[in-house]
Amino acid sequence: MTTTAGPVLVAPEQESDADWASPRILVLGLGNPLLGDDGAGLRILEGVQAAGPWPANVRLVDGGTWGMSLLPDVMDCERLLVLDAVRTGREPGAVVRGEDDAVPRWYSHPVSPHQVDLREVLGAAELLESLPSPLVVVGIEPGSTDDLHVGLTPAVESAVEGAVAEGVRVLRTLVEG
């Protein structure tokens, strides 16, 4: 997966919004793999994608750190699953899950600049009366996100499998409705 030009649709067989069946489910992986544990969301996204195939109404998107450019994707979906590194005050490597009202609170203490953008995206979608529901975040409490380096810390790396399992479980619930 790359994050060079904007949001990348991970499931290339889905060609247009007209083909996106209802309920439209967006799985949005966020993060910057150059900032250590901030790349956890993209690793979770890879695992959730590998657990497919998923139905045509599910779109998996590598949102990288694209901030407000994600607003159209968020507004177009009916159900949203965000996969990310999230600071909740737990120990590094803890798998976390939050829904609806908990999500904006989690992003009030950002791990990195993209989380400030996600908070703004969700706020804009709410103002435009297009906030998906349910909105679920599955993530991992990060350890190191301040240093420029590729790769997850051992605590976060060991949590990826559990976060993928939780992401797959949540996505199956969203699909079943």
Foldseek 3Di string as FASTA:
>chain_A
DDCDPFKDWPPPVQPDLVQQDPQQEEEEFEADLQQAQQNLSVLLLVLLVVPDDDDSSYIYIHGYLRFQVCLVVQLSHQEYEYEGAWADPDDFLDKDKDWDPVQLVRLVDPLDVSSVSVNVSQVVCVVVVRHHPTYMYIYTHADTRPDRHGYYDPSNVVNSVVSSVVVNVVVVVVVVD
